[in-house]
Amino acid sequence: MSKPAAGDDDDKDGGAVADMFEAHGPALLLYARQWVDAAAAEDVVQRVFVRLLASGRLPADARTWLFRCVRNEAISAWRSDRRRGRRERTAAATADGEAGAGWFVPRPEDRIDAAAAQAALAALPAEQREIVTLRIWSGLTLAEIGRVTGLPVSTAHHHYNTALKALRKRLESPCPNNRKT
């Protein structure tokens, strides 16, 4: 009897996994749909089979193992979707000025009102807001911001200056008592 060539075991395992997918795939999809929608169920089943292939070994009771893994993966995906939905609803409510935490924590010693700063930043285009946030609150240099955003340094600098001008205009309104008549 000849010794199998290198890679033959991988081919056999790959073929066995393909056979398992053919035999159990539709039932696994149906099972995963108890927790997630059809597209997510396909992703769940695919992730389980990819992990099976990557492990390089077949479980002793493959059918039970597959269902258990699909169940765990589907529940995990369902929980993740539920958390993401809550975060998105909270972010949307905050952006609309409804209940939810602001971007800044107001402090009495601050020279600027936290709500006014948030409103001024929210009024900026997304690209400018991102650059201002990275520069002022994250302390990144314009070169680092360029690497993070994929923009040339000169473009990042332009967006930063434009954003600062808009913020100054919005936040530095003249005091009503100092107006000349």
Protein backbone atom coordinates (compact mmCIF):
# COMPACT_ATOMS: atom_id res chain seq x y z
CA MET A 1 0.00 0.00 0.00
CA SER A 2 1.43 3.37 -0.98
CA LYS A 3 1.74 6.34 1.30
CA PRO A 4 -0.56 9.23 0.30
CA ALA A 5 1.20 12.14 -1.35
CA ALA A 6 1.33 15.49 0.41
CA GLY A 7 -1.96 17.28 -0.02
CA ASP A 8 -4.00 14.09 -0.61
CA ASP A 9 -5.42 14.25 2.93
CA ASP A 10 -6.42 17.86 2.31
CA ASP A 11 -8.20 16.84 -0.88
CA LYS A 12 -10.02 14.04 0.94
CA ASP A 13 -11.04 16.39 3.78
CA GLY A 14 -12.14 19.02 1.27
CA GLY A 15 -14.20 16.44 -0.56
CA ALA A 16 -15.72 15.23 2.71
CA VAL A 17 -16.59 18.80 3.67
CA ALA A 18 -18.15 19.37 0.24
CA ASP A 19 -20.19 16.20 0.74
CA MET A 20 -21.30 17.41 4.17
CA PHE A 21 -22.31 20.74 2.67
CA GLU A 22 -24.35 19.00 -0.02
CA ALA A 23 -26.01 16.73 2.51
CA HIS A 24 -26.69 19.22 5.30
CA GLY A 25 -26.45 22.71 3.77
CA PRO A 26 -30.18 23.27 3.11
CA ALA A 27 -31.19 22.01 6.56
CA LEU A 28 -28.50 24.15 8.20
CA LEU A 29 -29.76 27.23 6.34
CA LEU A 30 -33.30 26.56 7.47
CA TYR A 31 -32.09 26.08 11.04
CA ALA A 32 -30.07 29.32 11.01
CA ARG A 33 -33.13 31.24 9.76
CA GLN A 34 -34.71 30.81 13.17
CA TRP A 35 -32.43 33.59 14.39
CA VAL A 36 -31.39 35.62 11.34
CA ASP A 37 -32.68 36.54 7.88
CA ALA A 38 -31.93 34.46 4.79
CA ALA A 39 -28.81 36.38 3.73
CA ALA A 40 -27.33 36.30 7.22
CA ALA A 41 -28.17 32.58 7.48
CA GLU A 42 -26.10 31.92 4.36
CA ASP A 43 -23.21 33.86 5.91
CA VAL A 44 -23.54 31.87 9.14
CA VAL A 45 -23.43 28.52 7.36
CA GLN A 46 -20.53 29.66 5.19
CA ARG A 47 -18.50 30.77 8.23
CA VAL A 48 -19.05 27.39 9.89
CA PHE A 49 -17.86 25.49 6.82
CA VAL A 50 -14.88 27.80 6.35
CA ARG A 51 -13.85 27.18 9.96
CA LEU A 52 -14.28 23.45 9.42
CA LEU A 53 -12.00 23.57 6.37
CA ALA A 54 -9.46 25.74 8.18
CA SER A 55 -9.31 23.37 11.15
CA GLY A 56 -7.96 20.61 8.91
CA ARG A 57 -9.82 17.86 10.74
CA LEU A 58 -13.31 16.46 10.67
CA PRO A 59 -15.38 16.17 13.84
CA ALA A 60 -16.40 12.72 15.05
CA ASP A 61 -20.13 13.39 14.79
CA ALA A 62 -20.08 15.89 11.92
CA ARG A 63 -23.84 16.36 11.60
CA THR A 64 -24.39 17.26 15.25
CA TRP A 65 -21.26 19.37 15.29
CA LEU A 66 -22.45 21.35 12.25
CA PHE A 67 -25.86 22.07 13.77
CA ARG A 68 -24.32 23.09 17.09
CA CYS A 69 -21.85 25.43 15.35
CA VAL A 70 -24.56 26.91 13.12
CA ARG A 71 -26.74 27.48 16.17
CA ASN A 72 -23.94 29.24 18.08
CA GLU A 73 -22.95 31.33 15.07
CA ALA A 74 -26.57 32.28 14.26
CA ILE A 75 -27.28 33.33 17.84
CA SER A 76 -24.08 35.36 17.86
CA ALA A 77 -25.06 37.06 14.57
CA TRP A 78 -28.56 37.76 15.91
CA ARG A 79 -27.16 39.35 19.06
CA SER A 80 -24.72 41.41 17.03
CA ASP A 81 -27.50 42.65 14.74
CA ARG A 82 -29.64 43.53 17.75
CA ARG A 83 -26.80 45.51 19.36
CA ARG A 84 -26.03 47.28 16.09
CA GLY A 85 -29.71 48.21 15.70
CA ARG A 86 -29.79 49.71 19.19
CA ARG A 87 -26.62 51.71 18.54
CA GLU A 88 -27.99 52.99 15.23
CA ARG A 89 -31.30 54.02 16.80
CA THR A 90 -29.46 55.79 19.61
CA ALA A 91 -27.16 57.57 17.16
CA ALA A 92 -30.10 58.60 14.98
CA ALA A 93 -32.01 59.90 18.00
CA THR A 94 -28.97 61.84 19.18
CA ALA A 95 -28.39 63.29 15.71
CA ASP A 96 -32.03 64.37 15.57
CA GLY A 97 -31.71 66.12 18.92
CA GLU A 98 -33.81 63.57 20.77
CA ALA A 99 -32.87 61.55 23.84
CA GLY A 100 -29.35 60.20 23.98
CA ALA A 101 -25.92 61.22 25.12
CA GLY A 102 -24.17 64.15 23.48
CA TRP A 103 -20.72 64.01 22.02
CA PHE A 104 -19.22 66.12 24.78
CA VAL A 105 -19.61 66.03 28.53
CA PRO A 106 -20.36 69.58 29.64
CA ARG A 107 -18.17 71.02 32.39
CA PRO A 108 -18.71 74.34 34.19
CA GLU A 109 -15.15 75.53 33.47
CA ASP A 110 -15.50 75.08 29.69
CA ARG A 111 -15.41 78.26 27.63
CA ILE A 112 -17.84 76.83 25.12
CA ASP A 113 -21.22 75.21 25.53
CA ALA A 114 -21.05 71.45 24.82
CA ALA A 115 -24.38 71.46 22.97
CA ALA A 116 -23.29 74.41 20.83
CA ALA A 117 -20.00 72.66 19.98
CA GLN A 118 -21.85 69.50 19.03
CA ALA A 119 -24.32 71.44 16.88
CA ALA A 120 -21.48 73.31 15.16
CA LEU A 121 -19.60 70.08 14.44
CA ALA A 122 -22.75 68.32 13.26
CA ALA A 123 -23.33 71.17 10.79
CA LEU A 124 -19.98 70.49 9.10
CA PRO A 125 -19.71 68.14 6.13
CA ALA A 126 -18.74 64.64 7.29
CA GLU A 127 -15.23 64.80 5.84
CA GLN A 128 -14.45 68.09 7.61
CA ARG A 129 -15.97 66.87 10.88
CA GLU A 130 -13.82 63.74 10.75
CA ILE A 131 -10.65 65.74 10.17
CA VAL A 132 -11.40 68.24 12.96
CA THR A 133 -12.14 65.40 15.36
CA LEU A 134 -8.94 63.57 14.45
CA ARG A 135 -6.84 66.75 14.72
CA ILE A 136 -8.24 68.40 17.83
CA TRP A 137 -9.53 65.58 20.00
CA SER A 138 -7.33 62.72 18.83
CA GLY A 139 -4.16 64.79 18.45
CA LEU A 140 -3.19 63.38 15.06
CA THR A 141 -0.94 65.38 12.77
CA LEU A 142 -2.18 66.32 9.32
CA ALA A 143 0.17 63.70 7.84
CA GLU A 144 -1.34 61.05 10.12
CA ILE A 145 -4.84 62.23 9.23
CA GLY A 146 -3.92 61.87 5.57
CA ARG A 147 -2.85 58.28 6.17
CA VAL A 148 -6.02 57.48 8.14
CA THR A 149 -8.42 59.04 5.62
CA GLY A 150 -6.48 58.33 2.44
CA LEU A 151 -6.35 62.05 1.59
CA PRO A 152 -3.27 64.01 0.56
CA VAL A 153 -1.91 66.16 3.40
CA SER A 154 -2.72 69.32 1.44
CA THR A 155 -6.37 68.27 1.08
CA ALA A 156 -6.61 67.38 4.76
CA HIS A 157 -5.11 70.79 5.59
CA HIS A 158 -7.61 72.54 3.32
CA HIS A 159 -10.57 70.69 4.90
CA TYR A 160 -9.23 71.44 8.38
CA ASN A 161 -8.86 75.18 7.69
CA THR A 162 -12.28 75.37 6.02
CA ALA A 163 -13.86 73.58 8.97
CA LEU A 164 -12.17 75.86 11.50
CA LYS A 165 -13.44 78.95 9.66
CA ALA A 166 -16.98 77.56 9.67
CA LEU A 167 -16.74 76.69 13.37
CA ARG A 168 -15.42 80.15 14.25
CA LYS A 169 -18.20 81.79 12.30
CA ARG A 170 -20.82 79.68 14.04
CA LEU A 171 -19.40 79.76 17.57
CA GLU A 172 -17.92 83.25 17.80
CA SER A 173 -21.05 85.29 17.36
CA PRO A 174 -20.60 88.85 18.58
CA CYS A 175 -21.88 89.71 22.01
CA PRO A 176 -25.15 91.68 21.76
CA ASN A 177 -23.82 94.33 24.23
CA ASN A 178 -20.75 95.12 22.10
CA ARG A 179 -22.59 96.02 18.89
CA LYS A 180 -21.95 99.47 17.55
CA THR A 181 -25.01 101.57 16.74
